[in-house]
N, C-alpha and C. Protein backbone atom coordinates (compact mmCIF):
# COMPACT_ATOMS: atom_id res chain seq x y z
N UNK A 1 96.93 132.10 30.31
CA UNK A 1 96.37 133.24 31.01
C UNK A 1 97.50 134.00 31.70
N UNK A 2 97.48 135.30 31.59
CA UNK A 2 98.53 136.15 32.15
C UNK A 2 98.53 136.12 33.67
N UNK A 3 99.68 136.40 34.23
CA UNK A 3 99.79 136.52 35.68
C UNK A 3 99.26 137.88 36.12
N UNK A 4 98.84 137.97 37.38
CA UNK A 4 98.35 139.22 37.95
C UNK A 4 99.01 139.44 39.31
N UNK A 5 99.06 140.69 39.72
CA UNK A 5 99.63 141.07 41.01
C UNK A 5 98.50 141.55 41.90
N UNK A 6 98.38 140.95 43.08
CA UNK A 6 97.29 141.32 44.00
C UNK A 6 97.64 142.58 44.79
N UNK A 7 96.68 143.04 45.56
CA UNK A 7 96.85 144.26 46.35
C UNK A 7 97.87 144.11 47.48
N UNK A 8 98.33 142.90 47.74
CA UNK A 8 99.35 142.69 48.78
C UNK A 8 100.74 143.13 48.32
N UNK A 9 100.86 143.57 47.07
CA UNK A 9 102.14 144.01 46.51
C UNK A 9 102.77 145.10 47.40
N UNK A 10 104.07 144.93 47.70
CA UNK A 10 104.78 145.90 48.52
C UNK A 10 105.67 146.82 47.66
N UNK A 11 105.51 146.75 46.35
CA UNK A 11 106.23 147.61 45.39
C UNK A 11 107.75 147.54 45.53
N UNK A 12 108.26 146.34 45.76
CA UNK A 12 109.71 146.17 45.89
C UNK A 12 110.42 146.15 44.53
N UNK A 13 109.69 145.74 43.48
CA UNK A 13 110.26 145.73 42.14
C UNK A 13 111.05 144.49 41.77
N UNK A 14 111.16 143.53 42.67
CA UNK A 14 111.96 142.34 42.36
C UNK A 14 111.36 141.54 41.22
N UNK A 15 110.06 141.58 41.04
CA UNK A 15 109.40 140.85 39.96
C UNK A 15 109.75 141.44 38.59
N UNK A 16 109.80 142.76 38.52
CA UNK A 16 110.05 143.43 37.24
C UNK A 16 111.40 143.04 36.65
N UNK A 17 112.39 142.89 37.51
CA UNK A 17 113.72 142.55 37.02
C UNK A 17 113.80 141.12 36.50
N UNK A 18 112.86 140.26 36.86
CA UNK A 18 112.86 138.87 36.43
C UNK A 18 112.06 138.64 35.14
N UNK A 19 111.26 139.59 34.72
CA UNK A 19 110.40 139.40 33.55
C UNK A 19 111.20 139.47 32.25
N UNK A 20 111.22 138.39 31.47
CA UNK A 20 112.01 138.37 30.24
C UNK A 20 111.43 139.22 29.11
N UNK A 21 110.17 139.63 29.22
CA UNK A 21 109.55 140.43 28.16
C UNK A 21 109.15 141.82 28.64
N UNK A 22 109.62 142.22 29.82
CA UNK A 22 109.38 143.55 30.39
C UNK A 22 107.89 143.90 30.46
N UNK A 23 107.08 142.93 30.90
CA UNK A 23 105.63 143.13 31.01
C UNK A 23 105.22 143.77 32.33
N UNK A 24 106.16 143.95 33.26
CA UNK A 24 105.84 144.46 34.58
C UNK A 24 106.37 145.88 34.74
N UNK A 25 105.50 146.78 35.22
CA UNK A 25 105.92 148.16 35.44
C UNK A 25 105.24 148.71 36.68
N UNK A 26 105.78 149.81 37.19
CA UNK A 26 105.22 150.46 38.37
C UNK A 26 103.93 151.17 37.98
N UNK A 27 102.84 150.83 38.65
CA UNK A 27 101.56 151.49 38.42
C UNK A 27 101.38 152.63 39.42
N UNK A 28 100.17 153.10 39.57
CA UNK A 28 99.90 154.20 40.49
C UNK A 28 100.19 153.84 41.94
N UNK A 29 99.76 152.65 42.36
CA UNK A 29 99.93 152.27 43.76
C UNK A 29 100.74 151.00 43.97
N UNK A 30 100.99 150.25 42.90
CA UNK A 30 101.77 149.01 43.00
C UNK A 30 102.23 148.61 41.62
N UNK A 31 103.04 147.56 41.54
CA UNK A 31 103.48 147.08 40.23
C UNK A 31 102.31 146.40 39.52
N UNK A 32 102.34 146.44 38.19
CA UNK A 32 101.26 145.86 37.37
C UNK A 32 101.87 145.04 36.25
N UNK A 33 101.13 144.02 35.81
CA UNK A 33 101.56 143.17 34.69
C UNK A 33 100.66 143.45 33.50
N UNK A 34 101.27 143.76 32.37
CA UNK A 34 100.52 144.00 31.14
C UNK A 34 100.10 142.64 30.57
N UNK A 35 98.81 142.34 30.56
CA UNK A 35 98.36 141.01 30.11
C UNK A 35 98.62 140.75 28.63
N UNK A 36 98.76 141.82 27.84
CA UNK A 36 99.03 141.65 26.41
C UNK A 36 100.49 141.30 26.13
N UNK A 37 101.36 141.62 27.07
CA UNK A 37 102.78 141.35 26.91
C UNK A 37 103.23 140.10 27.64
N UNK A 38 102.57 139.77 28.74
CA UNK A 38 102.92 138.61 29.57
C UNK A 38 102.89 137.32 28.76
N UNK A 39 103.96 136.51 28.90
CA UNK A 39 104.03 135.23 28.17
C UNK A 39 103.75 134.04 29.08
N UNK A 40 103.26 134.31 30.29
CA UNK A 40 102.82 133.26 31.21
C UNK A 40 103.96 132.32 31.62
N UNK A 41 105.16 132.88 31.81
CA UNK A 41 106.30 132.03 32.17
C UNK A 41 106.41 131.77 33.66
N UNK A 42 105.89 132.67 34.50
CA UNK A 42 105.92 132.49 35.94
C UNK A 42 107.20 132.91 36.64
N UNK A 43 108.15 133.47 35.91
CA UNK A 43 109.41 133.88 36.53
C UNK A 43 109.18 134.91 37.63
N UNK A 44 108.23 135.79 37.44
CA UNK A 44 107.94 136.83 38.43
C UNK A 44 107.37 136.25 39.72
N UNK A 45 106.51 135.27 39.60
CA UNK A 45 105.85 134.68 40.77
C UNK A 45 106.86 134.04 41.72
N UNK A 46 107.87 133.41 41.17
CA UNK A 46 108.88 132.79 41.99
C UNK A 46 109.78 133.78 42.70
N UNK A 47 109.85 134.98 42.21
CA UNK A 47 110.71 136.01 42.77
C UNK A 47 110.03 136.85 43.84
N UNK A 48 108.71 136.89 43.87
CA UNK A 48 107.96 137.77 44.78
C UNK A 48 108.15 137.35 46.25
N UNK A 49 108.64 138.27 47.10
CA UNK A 49 108.87 137.92 48.51
C UNK A 49 107.59 137.80 49.34
N UNK A 50 106.46 138.32 48.84
CA UNK A 50 105.21 138.24 49.59
C UNK A 50 104.17 137.37 48.88
N UNK A 51 104.60 136.66 47.86
CA UNK A 51 103.73 135.72 47.11
C UNK A 51 102.41 136.33 46.68
N UNK A 52 102.47 137.52 46.09
CA UNK A 52 101.24 138.18 45.66
C UNK A 52 100.98 138.07 44.16
N UNK A 53 101.79 137.26 43.45
CA UNK A 53 101.61 137.10 42.00
C UNK A 53 101.07 135.71 41.71
N UNK A 54 100.00 135.66 40.93
CA UNK A 54 99.38 134.38 40.58
C UNK A 54 98.81 134.47 39.18
N UNK A 55 98.44 133.32 38.64
CA UNK A 55 97.81 133.30 37.33
C UNK A 55 96.41 133.88 37.44
N UNK A 56 96.08 134.77 36.51
CA UNK A 56 94.78 135.43 36.53
C UNK A 56 93.76 134.54 36.00
């Protein structure tokens, strides 16, 4: 199951730089993870300073 970013996202972008498949991009109000591209590796979750990324 793909990871998701909750509304607590502060749009710092640190997660996007850690994604090996470039599944994370800036959305309208926060960063978003494309569930079709996400490989469920969890690299982004470990990088998030506000712990707002979890498995969906």
